[in-house]
């Protein structure tokens, strides 16, 4: 079979991983559609189709990986493409973002500037978020509400113990301490897959910890809240796509890879600068890197205070901080 015949086939592009990766893939897929008008491609979402919902041009092409008859009806006659941004040279050499790495892997046009991904919420999702935020304001008697996502996907929660050996999440004791400080001035919504009774940790002000909200509803909450505080996880990607303001605390990963240094809405506090080692996730297992990065997000009172200051400034309209941490002593 000739190369020309292979090129004439339509494509099927597989997108895997969590919410952050899915959101980051959208600009590259939009570029693919724009630059390949004759390719009747489909998108197979191994992590779910949530963040393509409402996208006017891409959603009709999207399929869950378990869709009935998918292989026979949609895939068998197409070229299968499985982009892996973490295996792109520019990514693991800290030259591009995950969105740009998807673009390089899918479109092969090199490093270039991309449009923002967009999340389009429907009325039900927005009303859900507004109702919760209004309830938090009423219960806490605070005028401003923030969403706090202290833990990434790699966190372990078992028998009341919370740990993340990857160095991406807040340490549990720091998360509680920061909630205690912020809840004195603002309403706080705790974004996690598990609930925490903050009163048991001597947090006097009520903290909302909604369980059962799906990712689209969390977008509705973030869209209606006044601010966001998070780590290297899905929430900051939602914030970027929703044009909201936030503070992101980065540890073992590199801001250029996993966050948005050029987004003026995002105040990046880099805990790992000068201390971390790149961990080649989805490429190989590097025990040295993982051991080096273990505990990199541990904070003292001074660091906690700077995070609280960044959030407070964001909520009161003061300039961003953008502190860089070489040590925490």
C-alpha atoms as a PDB file:
ATOM      1  CA  UNK A   1       0.000   0.000   0.000  1.00  0.00           C
ATOM      2  CA  UNK A   2       1.407   3.403  -0.954  1.00  0.00           C
ATOM      3  CA  UNK A   3       2.199   6.228   1.450  1.00  0.00           C
ATOM      4  CA  UNK A   4      -0.268   8.384  -0.437  1.00  0.00           C
ATOM      5  CA  UNK A   5      -3.083   5.915   0.236  1.00  0.00           C
ATOM      6  CA  UNK A   6      -2.267   5.910   3.960  1.00  0.00           C
ATOM      7  CA  UNK A   7      -2.320   9.709   4.036  1.00  0.00           C
ATOM      8  CA  UNK A   8      -5.779   9.769   2.485  1.00  0.00           C
ATOM      9  CA  UNK A   9      -7.280   7.869   5.402  1.00  0.00           C
ATOM     10  CA  UNK A  10      -9.151   9.842   8.017  1.00  0.00           C
ATOM     11  CA  UNK A  11      -7.715   9.963  11.535  1.00  0.00           C
ATOM     12  CA  UNK A  12      -8.728   8.905  15.034  1.00  0.00           C
ATOM     13  CA  UNK A  13      -6.957  10.823  17.790  1.00  0.00           C
ATOM     14  CA  UNK A  14      -6.837   9.241  21.254  1.00  0.00           C
ATOM     15  CA  UNK A  15      -6.731  11.579  24.264  1.00  0.00           C
ATOM     16  CA  UNK A  16      -5.998   9.943  27.619  1.00  0.00           C
ATOM     17  CA  UNK A  17      -5.287  11.042  31.175  1.00  0.00           C
ATOM     18  CA  UNK A  18      -7.042  13.343  33.595  1.00  0.00           C
ATOM     19  CA  UNK A  19      -9.029  16.542  33.204  1.00  0.00           C
ATOM     20  CA  UNK A  20      -5.997  18.806  32.928  1.00  0.00           C
ATOM     21  CA  UNK A  21      -4.576  16.849  30.004  1.00  0.00           C
ATOM     22  CA  UNK A  22      -7.940  16.779  28.246  1.00  0.00           C
ATOM     23  CA  UNK A  23      -8.416  20.548  28.587  1.00  0.00           C
ATOM     24  CA  UNK A  24      -4.844  21.162  27.402  1.00  0.00           C
ATOM     25  CA  UNK A  25      -5.413  19.059  24.273  1.00  0.00           C
ATOM     26  CA  UNK A  26      -8.264  21.245  22.969  1.00  0.00           C
ATOM     27  CA  UNK A  27      -6.186  23.977  21.235  1.00  0.00           C
ATOM     28  CA  UNK A  28      -4.141  21.362  19.340  1.00  0.00           C
ATOM     29  CA  UNK A  29      -7.298  19.575  18.212  1.00  0.00           C
ATOM     30  CA  UNK A  30      -8.773  22.872  17.055  1.00  0.00           C
ATOM     31  CA  UNK A  31      -5.588  23.470  15.054  1.00  0.00           C
ATOM     32  CA  UNK A  32      -5.806  19.985  13.556  1.00  0.00           C
ATOM     33  CA  UNK A  33      -9.363  20.646  12.429  1.00  0.00           C
ATOM     34  CA  UNK A  34      -8.420  24.034  10.965  1.00  0.00           C
ATOM     35  CA  UNK A  35      -5.337  22.750   9.132  1.00  0.00           C
ATOM     36  CA  UNK A  36      -6.796  19.453   7.894  1.00  0.00           C
ATOM     37  CA  UNK A  37     -10.216  20.366   6.481  1.00  0.00           C
ATOM     38  CA  UNK A  38     -10.405  17.165   4.406  1.00  0.00           C
ATOM     39  CA  UNK A  39      -9.800  14.849   7.387  1.00  0.00           C
ATOM     40  CA  UNK A  40     -13.084  13.607   8.858  1.00  0.00           C
ATOM     41  CA  UNK A  41     -11.337  12.751  12.124  1.00  0.00           C
ATOM     42  CA  UNK A  42     -12.783  11.488  15.394  1.00  0.00           C
ATOM     43  CA  UNK A  43     -11.550  11.946  18.954  1.00  0.00           C
ATOM     44  CA  UNK A  44     -11.518   9.003  21.367  1.00  0.00           C
ATOM     45  CA  UNK A  45     -11.565  10.147  25.008  1.00  0.00           C
ATOM     46  CA  UNK A  46     -10.084   7.505  27.262  1.00  0.00           C
ATOM     47  CA  UNK A  47     -10.561   9.799  30.262  1.00  0.00           C
ATOM     48  CA  UNK A  48     -14.101  10.908  29.468  1.00  0.00           C
ATOM     49  CA  UNK A  49     -15.768  13.458  27.196  1.00  0.00           C
ATOM     50  CA  UNK A  50     -16.709  16.027  29.876  1.00  0.00           C
ATOM     51  CA  UNK A  51     -14.598  18.923  28.656  1.00  0.00           C
ATOM     52  CA  UNK A  52     -15.631  18.666  25.023  1.00  0.00           C
ATOM     53  CA  UNK A  53     -19.275  19.150  25.911  1.00  0.00           C
ATOM     54  CA  UNK A  54     -20.499  22.441  24.519  1.00  0.00           C
ATOM     55  CA  UNK A  55     -17.622  22.760  22.050  1.00  0.00           C
ATOM     56  CA  UNK A  56     -19.357  23.726  18.817  1.00  0.00           C
ATOM     57  CA  UNK A  57     -16.997  22.094  16.338  1.00  0.00           C
ATOM     58  CA  UNK A  58     -15.274  19.263  18.229  1.00  0.00           C
ATOM     59  CA  UNK A  59     -18.012  17.647  20.314  1.00  0.00           C
ATOM     60  CA  UNK A  60     -19.687  15.971  17.324  1.00  0.00           C
ATOM     61  CA  UNK A  61     -16.397  14.151  16.710  1.00  0.00           C
ATOM     62  CA  UNK A  62     -15.948  12.917  20.290  1.00  0.00           C
ATOM     63  CA  UNK A  63     -16.495   9.355  21.521  1.00  0.00           C
ATOM     64  CA  UNK A  64     -15.981   7.633  24.834  1.00  0.00           C
ATOM     65  CA  UNK A  65     -13.565   4.723  24.432  1.00  0.00           C
ATOM     66  CA  UNK A  66     -16.337   2.289  25.431  1.00  0.00           C
ATOM     67  CA  UNK A  67     -18.798   3.537  22.794  1.00  0.00           C
ATOM     68  CA  UNK A  68     -20.714   0.606  21.293  1.00  0.00           C
ATOM     69  CA  UNK A  69     -19.277  -0.522  17.943  1.00  0.00           C
ATOM     70  CA  UNK A  70     -16.534   2.110  18.067  1.00  0.00           C
ATOM     71  CA  UNK A  71     -13.797  -0.040  16.543  1.00  0.00           C
ATOM     72  CA  UNK A  72     -15.811  -1.506  13.688  1.00  0.00           C
ATOM     73  CA  UNK A  73     -17.778   1.648  12.893  1.00  0.00           C
ATOM     74  CA  UNK A  74     -15.243   4.435  13.464  1.00  0.00           C
ATOM     75  CA  UNK A  75     -11.692   3.186  13.972  1.00  0.00           C
ATOM     76  CA  UNK A  76     -10.927   0.231  11.730  1.00  0.00           C
ATOM     77  CA  UNK A  77     -10.558   2.287   8.532  1.00  0.00           C
ATOM     78  CA  UNK A  78      -8.810   5.250  10.181  1.00  0.00           C
ATOM     79  CA  UNK A  79      -5.189   5.973  11.082  1.00  0.00           C
ATOM     80  CA  UNK A  80      -4.917   5.800  14.882  1.00  0.00           C
ATOM     81  CA  UNK A  81      -2.951   8.621  16.533  1.00  0.00           C
ATOM     82  CA  UNK A  82      -2.003   8.488  20.224  1.00  0.00           C
ATOM     83  CA  UNK A  83      -0.215  11.736  21.166  1.00  0.00           C
ATOM     84  CA  UNK A  84       1.796  11.663  24.386  1.00  0.00           C
ATOM     85  CA  UNK A  85       2.853  15.203  25.366  1.00  0.00           C
ATOM     86  CA  UNK A  86       5.270  13.994  28.043  1.00  0.00           C
ATOM     87  CA  UNK A  87       7.320  12.295  25.317  1.00  0.00           C
ATOM     88  CA  UNK A  88       7.782  15.464  23.286  1.00  0.00           C
ATOM     89  CA  UNK A  89      11.393  16.729  23.337  1.00  0.00           C
ATOM     90  CA  UNK A  90      10.414  20.350  23.946  1.00  0.00           C
ATOM     91  CA  UNK A  91       8.296  19.287  26.910  1.00  0.00           C
ATOM     92  CA  UNK A  92      10.832  17.241  28.827  1.00  0.00           C
ATOM     93  CA  UNK A  93      13.443  19.919  28.157  1.00  0.00           C
ATOM     94  CA  UNK A  94      11.186  22.630  29.651  1.00  0.00           C
ATOM     95  CA  UNK A  95      10.647  24.571  26.432  1.00  0.00           C
ATOM     96  CA  UNK A  96       6.880  24.289  26.133  1.00  0.00           C
ATOM     97  CA  UNK A  97       3.588  23.809  27.922  1.00  0.00           C
ATOM     98  CA  UNK A  98       1.537  20.631  27.859  1.00  0.00           C
ATOM     99  CA  UNK A  99      -0.848  22.322  25.397  1.00  0.00           C
ATOM    100  CA  UNK A 100       2.050  23.099  23.048  1.00  0.00           C
ATOM    101  CA  UNK A 101       3.371  19.551  23.462  1.00  0.00           C
ATOM    102  CA  UNK A 102       0.009  18.213  22.332  1.00  0.00           C
ATOM    103  CA  UNK A 103       0.201  20.529  19.315  1.00  0.00           C
ATOM    104  CA  UNK A 104       3.681  19.286  18.419  1.00  0.00           C
ATOM    105  CA  UNK A 105       2.632  15.638  18.841  1.00  0.00           C
ATOM    106  CA  UNK A 106      -0.608  15.990  16.863  1.00  0.00           C
ATOM    107  CA  UNK A 107       0.215  18.594  14.223  1.00  0.00           C
ATOM    108  CA  UNK A 108       4.010  18.392  13.870  1.00  0.00           C
ATOM    109  CA  UNK A 109       4.342  22.147  13.240  1.00  0.00           C
ATOM    110  CA  UNK A 110       6.922  22.843  15.935  1.00  0.00           C
ATOM    111  CA  UNK A 111       6.660  25.213  18.874  1.00  0.00           C
ATOM    112  CA  UNK A 112       4.064  27.932  18.347  1.00  0.00           C
ATOM    113  CA  UNK A 113       1.622  30.132  20.208  1.00  0.00           C
ATOM    114  CA  UNK A 114      -1.843  28.661  20.760  1.00  0.00           C
ATOM    115  CA  UNK A 115      -5.260  30.045  21.600  1.00  0.00           C
ATOM    116  CA  UNK A 116      -6.703  29.390  25.045  1.00  0.00           C
ATOM    117  CA  UNK A 117      -8.898  26.349  25.570  1.00  0.00           C
ATOM    118  CA  UNK A 118     -12.476  27.257  26.418  1.00  0.00           C
ATOM    119  CA  UNK A 119     -14.997  25.527  28.653  1.00  0.00           C
ATOM    120  CA  UNK A 120     -18.572  26.410  27.799  1.00  0.00           C
ATOM    121  CA  UNK A 121     -20.932  25.855  30.714  1.00  0.00           C
ATOM    122  CA  UNK A 122     -24.686  25.464  30.415  1.00  0.00           C
ATOM    123  CA  UNK A 123     -27.257  27.157  32.643  1.00  0.00           C
ATOM    124  CA  UNK A 124     -27.656  24.177  34.970  1.00  0.00           C
ATOM    125  CA  UNK A 125     -23.911  24.030  35.655  1.00  0.00           C
ATOM    126  CA  UNK A 126     -23.714  27.767  36.270  1.00  0.00           C
ATOM    127  CA  UNK A 127     -26.770  27.737  38.535  1.00  0.00           C
ATOM    128  CA  UNK A 128     -25.326  24.814  40.517  1.00  0.00           C
ATOM    129  CA  UNK A 129     -22.119  26.767  41.096  1.00  0.00           C
ATOM    130  CA  UNK A 130     -23.863  30.030  41.957  1.00  0.00           C
ATOM    131  CA  UNK A 131     -26.178  28.327  44.427  1.00  0.00           C
ATOM    132  CA  UNK A 132     -23.283  26.708  46.276  1.00  0.00           C
ATOM    133  CA  UNK A 133     -21.197  29.896  46.351  1.00  0.00           C
ATOM    134  CA  UNK A 134     -24.190  31.899  47.607  1.00  0.00           C
ATOM    135  CA  UNK A 135     -24.810  29.315  50.337  1.00  0.00           C
ATOM    136  CA  UNK A 136     -21.176  29.562  51.441  1.00  0.00           C
ATOM    137  CA  UNK A 137     -21.401  33.364  51.596  1.00  0.00           C
ATOM    138  CA  UNK A 138     -24.582  33.139  53.647  1.00  0.00           C
ATOM    139  CA  UNK A 139     -23.211  30.539  56.053  1.00  0.00           C
ATOM    140  CA  UNK A 140     -19.792  32.127  56.555  1.00  0.00           C
ATOM    141  CA  UNK A 141     -20.997  35.762  56.440  1.00  0.00           C
ATOM    142  CA  UNK A 142     -18.074  36.502  54.103  1.00  0.00           C
ATOM    143  CA  UNK A 143     -18.259  38.634  50.971  1.00  0.00           C
ATOM    144  CA  UNK A 144     -15.598  36.711  49.027  1.00  0.00           C
ATOM    145  CA  UNK A 145     -15.365  32.970  48.346  1.00  0.00           C
ATOM    146  CA  UNK A 146     -12.427  30.961  47.054  1.00  0.00           C
ATOM    147  CA  UNK A 147     -12.044  27.369  45.912  1.00  0.00           C
ATOM    148  CA  UNK A 148      -9.009  25.549  47.331  1.00  0.00           C
ATOM    149  CA  UNK A 149      -7.714  22.389  45.618  1.00  0.00           C
ATOM    150  CA  UNK A 150      -4.713  21.227  47.661  1.00  0.00           C
ATOM    151  CA  UNK A 151      -4.287  17.735  46.180  1.00  0.00           C
ATOM    152  CA  UNK A 152      -3.504  16.347  42.739  1.00  0.00           C
ATOM    153  CA  UNK A 153      -4.379  12.976  41.204  1.00  0.00           C
ATOM    154  CA  UNK A 154      -1.309  11.311  42.716  1.00  0.00           C
ATOM    155  CA  UNK A 155      -2.462  11.878  46.303  1.00  0.00           C
ATOM    156  CA  UNK A 156      -3.143   8.854  48.521  1.00  0.00           C
ATOM    157  CA  UNK A 157      -5.937   9.003  51.103  1.00  0.00           C
ATOM    158  CA  UNK A 158      -6.248   5.989  53.355  1.00  0.00           C
ATOM    159  CA  UNK A 159      -7.269   5.561  56.999  1.00  0.00           C
ATOM    160  CA  UNK A 160      -7.247   9.319  57.497  1.00  0.00           C
ATOM    161  CA  UNK A 161      -3.684   9.658  56.189  1.00  0.00           C
ATOM    162  CA  UNK A 162      -3.014  11.927  53.196  1.00  0.00           C
ATOM    163  CA  UNK A 163       0.241  11.725  51.236  1.00  0.00           C
ATOM    164  CA  UNK A 164       1.617  12.497  47.793  1.00  0.00           C
ATOM    165  CA  UNK A 165       5.102  11.165  47.094  1.00  0.00           C
ATOM    166  CA  UNK A 166       5.214  12.936  43.713  1.00  0.00           C
ATOM    167  CA  UNK A 167       5.658  16.367  45.298  1.00  0.00           C
ATOM    168  CA  UNK A 168       2.709  17.892  43.442  1.00  0.00           C
ATOM    169  CA  UNK A 169       0.206  18.292  46.292  1.00  0.00           C
ATOM    170  CA  UNK A 170       0.137  20.414  49.419  1.00  0.00           C
ATOM    171  CA  UNK A 171       1.217  18.595  52.554  1.00  0.00           C
ATOM    172  CA  UNK A 172      -1.915  17.825  54.582  1.00  0.00           C
ATOM    173  CA  UNK A 173      -0.871  19.829  57.636  1.00  0.00           C
ATOM    174  CA  UNK A 174      -0.078  22.865  55.485  1.00  0.00           C
ATOM    175  CA  UNK A 175      -3.424  22.581  53.685  1.00  0.00           C
ATOM    176  CA  UNK A 176      -5.302  22.611  56.990  1.00  0.00           C
ATOM    177  CA  UNK A 177      -3.223  25.515  58.315  1.00  0.00           C
ATOM    178  CA  UNK A 178      -3.825  27.579  55.166  1.00  0.00           C
ATOM    179  CA  UNK A 179      -7.575  26.867  55.327  1.00  0.00           C
ATOM    180  CA  UNK A 180      -7.569  27.997  58.957  1.00  0.00           C
ATOM    181  CA  UNK A 181      -5.912  31.299  58.010  1.00  0.00           C
ATOM    182  CA  UNK A 182      -7.963  31.996  54.876  1.00  0.00           C
ATOM    183  CA  UNK A 183     -11.314  31.077  56.416  1.00  0.00           C
ATOM    184  CA  UNK A 184     -10.971  33.938  58.901  1.00  0.00           C
ATOM    185  CA  UNK A 185     -11.371  36.424  56.025  1.00  0.00           C
ATOM    186  CA  UNK A 186     -13.029  34.496  53.195  1.00  0.00           C
ATOM    187  CA  UNK A 187     -15.462  31.708  52.529  1.00  0.00           C
ATOM    188  CA  UNK A 188     -13.579  28.537  51.534  1.00  0.00           C
ATOM    189  CA  UNK A 189     -14.739  25.652  49.346  1.00  0.00           C
ATOM    190  CA  UNK A 190     -12.506  22.599  49.657  1.00  0.00           C
ATOM    191  CA  UNK A 191     -12.102  20.820  46.292  1.00  0.00           C
ATOM    192  CA  UNK A 192     -11.135  17.171  46.770  1.00  0.00           C
ATOM    193  CA  UNK A 193     -12.366  13.659  46.098  1.00  0.00           C
ATOM    194  CA  UNK A 194     -12.665  13.072  49.842  1.00  0.00           C
ATOM    195  CA  UNK A 195     -14.162  15.115  52.639  1.00  0.00           C
ATOM    196  CA  UNK A 196     -12.336  16.549  55.642  1.00  0.00           C
ATOM    197  CA  UNK A 197     -13.907  17.592  58.931  1.00  0.00           C
ATOM    198  CA  UNK A 198     -11.991  20.834  59.411  1.00  0.00           C
ATOM    199  CA  UNK A 199     -13.593  21.458  62.800  1.00  0.00           C
ATOM    200  CA  UNK A 200     -11.613  18.486  64.131  1.00  0.00           C
ATOM    201  CA  UNK A 201      -8.497  20.408  63.083  1.00  0.00           C
ATOM    202  CA  UNK A 202      -9.546  23.496  65.061  1.00  0.00           C
ATOM    203  CA  UNK A 203     -10.803  25.440  62.050  1.00  0.00           C
ATOM    204  CA  UNK A 204     -13.516  27.554  63.648  1.00  0.00           C
ATOM    205  CA  UNK A 205     -15.095  29.007  60.517  1.00  0.00           C
ATOM    206  CA  UNK A 206     -17.236  26.683  58.378  1.00  0.00           C
ATOM    207  CA  UNK A 207     -15.582  25.206  55.290  1.00  0.00           C
ATOM    208  CA  UNK A 208     -17.637  23.761  52.443  1.00  0.00           C
ATOM    209  CA  UNK A 209     -16.513  20.339  51.237  1.00  0.00           C
ATOM    210  CA  UNK A 210     -19.098  19.267  48.636  1.00  0.00           C
ATOM    211  CA  UNK A 211     -19.056  15.590  47.740  1.00  0.00           C
ATOM    212  CA  UNK A 212     -20.415  14.103  44.545  1.00  0.00           C
ATOM    213  CA  UNK A 213     -19.991  17.133  42.293  1.00  0.00           C
ATOM    214  CA  UNK A 214     -18.690  16.089  38.878  1.00  0.00           C
ATOM    215  CA  UNK A 215     -15.993  18.040  37.041  1.00  0.00           C
ATOM    216  CA  UNK A 216     -18.437  20.106  35.021  1.00  0.00           C
ATOM    217  CA  UNK A 217     -20.162  21.207  38.228  1.00  0.00           C
ATOM    218  CA  UNK A 218     -16.786  22.053  39.743  1.00  0.00           C
ATOM    219  CA  UNK A 219     -16.270  24.324  36.747  1.00  0.00           C
ATOM    220  CA  UNK A 220     -19.573  25.961  37.620  1.00  0.00           C
ATOM    221  CA  UNK A 221     -18.386  26.460  41.198  1.00  0.00           C
ATOM    222  CA  UNK A 222     -15.049  27.922  40.085  1.00  0.00           C
ATOM    223  CA  UNK A 223     -16.780  30.184  37.564  1.00  0.00           C
ATOM    224  CA  UNK A 224     -18.957  31.666  40.319  1.00  0.00           C
ATOM    225  CA  UNK A 225     -16.311  31.862  43.040  1.00  0.00           C
ATOM    226  CA  UNK A 226     -14.112  34.932  43.451  1.00  0.00           C
ATOM    227  CA  UNK A 227     -10.747  33.157  43.418  1.00  0.00           C
ATOM    228  CA  UNK A 228      -8.971  29.812  43.222  1.00  0.00           C
ATOM    229  CA  UNK A 229      -5.974  28.389  45.080  1.00  0.00           C
ATOM    230  CA  UNK A 230      -4.471  25.145  43.858  1.00  0.00           C
ATOM    231  CA  UNK A 231      -1.520  22.967  42.975  1.00  0.00           C
ATOM    232  CA  UNK A 232      -0.447  21.130  39.828  1.00  0.00           C
ATOM    233  CA  UNK A 233      -3.844  19.599  39.147  1.00  0.00           C
ATOM    234  CA  UNK A 234      -7.023  19.969  37.124  1.00  0.00           C
ATOM    235  CA  UNK A 235      -8.406  23.064  38.846  1.00  0.00           C
ATOM    236  CA  UNK A 236      -5.816  25.477  37.482  1.00  0.00           C
ATOM    237  CA  UNK A 237      -6.538  24.274  33.930  1.00  0.00           C
ATOM    238  CA  UNK A 238     -10.225  24.951  34.524  1.00  0.00           C
ATOM    239  CA  UNK A 239      -9.356  28.417  35.845  1.00  0.00           C
ATOM    240  CA  UNK A 240      -7.251  29.176  32.759  1.00  0.00           C
ATOM    241  CA  UNK A 241     -10.042  28.075  30.415  1.00  0.00           C
ATOM    242  CA  UNK A 242     -12.667  30.025  32.380  1.00  0.00           C
ATOM    243  CA  UNK A 243     -10.597  33.248  32.574  1.00  0.00           C
ATOM    244  CA  UNK A 244     -10.663  33.311  36.378  1.00  0.00           C
ATOM    245  CA  UNK A 245      -7.974  34.477  38.808  1.00  0.00           C
ATOM    246  CA  UNK A 246      -5.925  32.133  40.944  1.00  0.00           C
ATOM    247  CA  UNK A 247      -2.773  31.345  42.860  1.00  0.00           C
ATOM    248  CA  UNK A 248      -1.006  28.123  41.879  1.00  0.00           C
ATOM    249  CA  UNK A 249       1.696  26.580  44.075  1.00  0.00           C
ATOM    250  CA  UNK A 250       4.111  24.395  42.085  1.00  0.00           C
ATOM    251  CA  UNK A 251       6.548  21.887  43.592  1.00  0.00           C
ATOM    252  CA  UNK A 252       8.084  18.945  41.746  1.00  0.00           C
ATOM    253  CA  UNK A 253       6.921  19.950  38.265  1.00  0.00           C
ATOM    254  CA  UNK A 254       7.955  22.903  36.110  1.00  0.00           C
ATOM    255  CA  UNK A 255       5.594  25.885  35.667  1.00  0.00           C
ATOM    256  CA  UNK A 256       6.388  26.163  31.955  1.00  0.00           C
ATOM    257  CA  UNK A 257       5.200  22.563  31.511  1.00  0.00           C
ATOM    258  CA  UNK A 258       2.172  22.332  33.763  1.00  0.00           C
ATOM    259  CA  UNK A 259       0.909  25.874  34.327  1.00  0.00           C
ATOM    260  CA  UNK A 260       0.523  29.203  32.521  1.00  0.00           C
ATOM    261  CA  UNK A 261       3.331  31.680  33.313  1.00  0.00           C
ATOM    262  CA  UNK A 262       2.067  34.107  30.653  1.00  0.00           C
ATOM    263  CA  UNK A 263      -1.488  34.249  32.027  1.00  0.00           C
ATOM    264  CA  UNK A 264      -1.739  37.423  34.097  1.00  0.00           C
ATOM    265  CA  UNK A 265      -4.689  35.950  35.986  1.00  0.00           C
ATOM    266  CA  UNK A 266      -2.466  33.251  37.479  1.00  0.00           C
ATOM    267  CA  UNK A 267       0.005  33.983  40.285  1.00  0.00           C
ATOM    268  CA  UNK A 268       2.541  31.136  40.255  1.00  0.00           C
ATOM    269  CA  UNK A 269       4.432  30.491  43.484  1.00  0.00           C
ATOM    270  CA  UNK A 270       7.279  28.135  42.620  1.00  0.00           C
ATOM    271  CA  UNK A 271       8.271  26.032  45.633  1.00  0.00           C
ATOM    272  CA  UNK A 272      10.583  23.799  43.615  1.00  0.00           C
ATOM    273  CA  UNK A 273      12.802  26.349  41.872  1.00  0.00           C
ATOM    274  CA  UNK A 274      16.426  25.258  42.213  1.00  0.00           C
ATOM    275  CA  UNK A 275      15.460  22.186  44.238  1.00  0.00           C
ATOM    276  CA  UNK A 276      13.501  19.808  42.016  1.00  0.00           C
ATOM    277  CA  UNK A 277      14.631  17.193  39.523  1.00  0.00           C
ATOM    278  CA  UNK A 278      12.554  16.511  36.419  1.00  0.00           C
ATOM    279  CA  UNK A 279      10.582  13.302  36.840  1.00  0.00           C
ATOM    280  CA  UNK A 280      10.084  11.596  33.447  1.00  0.00           C
ATOM    281  CA  UNK A 281       6.453  10.619  34.016  1.00  0.00           C
ATOM    282  CA  UNK A 282       4.998   8.406  31.245  1.00  0.00           C
ATOM    283  CA  UNK A 283       8.502   7.925  29.860  1.00  0.00           C
ATOM    284  CA  UNK A 284      10.297   5.888  32.510  1.00  0.00           C
ATOM    285  CA  UNK A 285      10.426   5.458  36.292  1.00  0.00           C
ATOM    286  CA  UNK A 286      13.150   7.538  37.936  1.00  0.00           C
ATOM    287  CA  UNK A 287      13.490   6.703  41.609  1.00  0.00           C
ATOM    288  CA  UNK A 288      16.224   9.324  42.092  1.00  0.00           C
ATOM    289  CA  UNK A 289      13.957  12.116  40.836  1.00  0.00           C
ATOM    290  CA  UNK A 290      11.010  10.917  42.908  1.00  0.00           C
ATOM    291  CA  UNK A 291      13.107  10.703  46.080  1.00  0.00           C
ATOM    292  CA  UNK A 292      14.609  14.137  45.416  1.00  0.00           C
ATOM    293  CA  UNK A 293      11.175  15.689  44.980  1.00  0.00           C
ATOM    294  CA  UNK A 294       9.531  13.915  47.913  1.00  0.00           C
ATOM    295  CA  UNK A 295       8.579  16.551  50.491  1.00  0.00           C
ATOM    296  CA  UNK A 296       9.346  19.492  48.202  1.00  0.00           C
ATOM    297  CA  UNK A 297       5.939  21.023  48.977  1.00  0.00           C
ATOM    298  CA  UNK A 298       6.517  21.105  52.754  1.00  0.00           C
ATOM    299  CA  UNK A 299       6.049  24.676  54.001  1.00  0.00           C
ATOM    300  CA  UNK A 300       6.985  26.675  57.054  1.00  0.00           C
ATOM    301  CA  UNK A 301       4.947  29.552  58.485  1.00  0.00           C
ATOM    302  CA  UNK A 302       6.699  32.110  56.274  1.00  0.00           C
ATOM    303  CA  UNK A 303       5.780  30.277  53.077  1.00  0.00           C
ATOM    304  CA  UNK A 304       2.201  29.774  54.225  1.00  0.00           C
ATOM    305  CA  UNK A 305       1.991  33.505  54.932  1.00  0.00           C
ATOM    306  CA  UNK A 306       3.142  34.355  51.398  1.00  0.00           C
ATOM    307  CA  UNK A 307       0.504  32.036  49.920  1.00  0.00           C
ATOM    308  CA  UNK A 308      -2.182  33.681  52.062  1.00  0.00           C
ATOM    309  CA  UNK A 309      -0.876  37.094  50.965  1.00  0.00           C
ATOM    310  CA  UNK A 310      -1.061  36.083  47.278  1.00  0.00           C
ATOM    311  CA  UNK A 311      -4.672  34.942  47.680  1.00  0.00           C
ATOM    312  CA  UNK A 312      -5.589  38.050  49.673  1.00  0.00           C
ATOM    313  CA  UNK A 313      -4.014  40.296  47.041  1.00  0.00           C
ATOM    314  CA  UNK A 314      -5.893  38.453  44.313  1.00  0.00           C
ATOM    315  CA  UNK A 315      -9.185  38.901  46.123  1.00  0.00           C
ATOM    316  CA  UNK A 316      -8.598  42.592  46.877  1.00  0.00           C
ATOM    317  CA  UNK A 317      -7.163  43.629  43.517  1.00  0.00           C
ATOM    318  CA  UNK A 318      -3.563  44.160  44.621  1.00  0.00           C
ATOM    319  CA  UNK A 319      -0.603  43.243  42.330  1.00  0.00           C
ATOM    320  CA  UNK A 320       0.436  39.593  41.920  1.00  0.00           C
ATOM    321  CA  UNK A 321       3.362  38.307  43.976  1.00  0.00           C
ATOM    322  CA  UNK A 322       5.012  35.652  41.836  1.00  0.00           C
ATOM    323  CA  UNK A 323       7.547  34.700  44.511  1.00  0.00           C
ATOM    324  CA  UNK A 324      10.230  32.162  43.569  1.00  0.00           C
ATOM    325  CA  UNK A 325      11.449  29.837  46.291  1.00  0.00           C
ATOM    326  CA  UNK A 326      15.031  28.577  46.297  1.00  0.00           C
ATOM    327  CA  UNK A 327      14.782  27.427  49.894  1.00  0.00           C
ATOM    328  CA  UNK A 328      12.191  27.417  52.620  1.00  0.00           C
ATOM    329  CA  UNK A 329      14.376  28.029  55.670  1.00  0.00           C
END
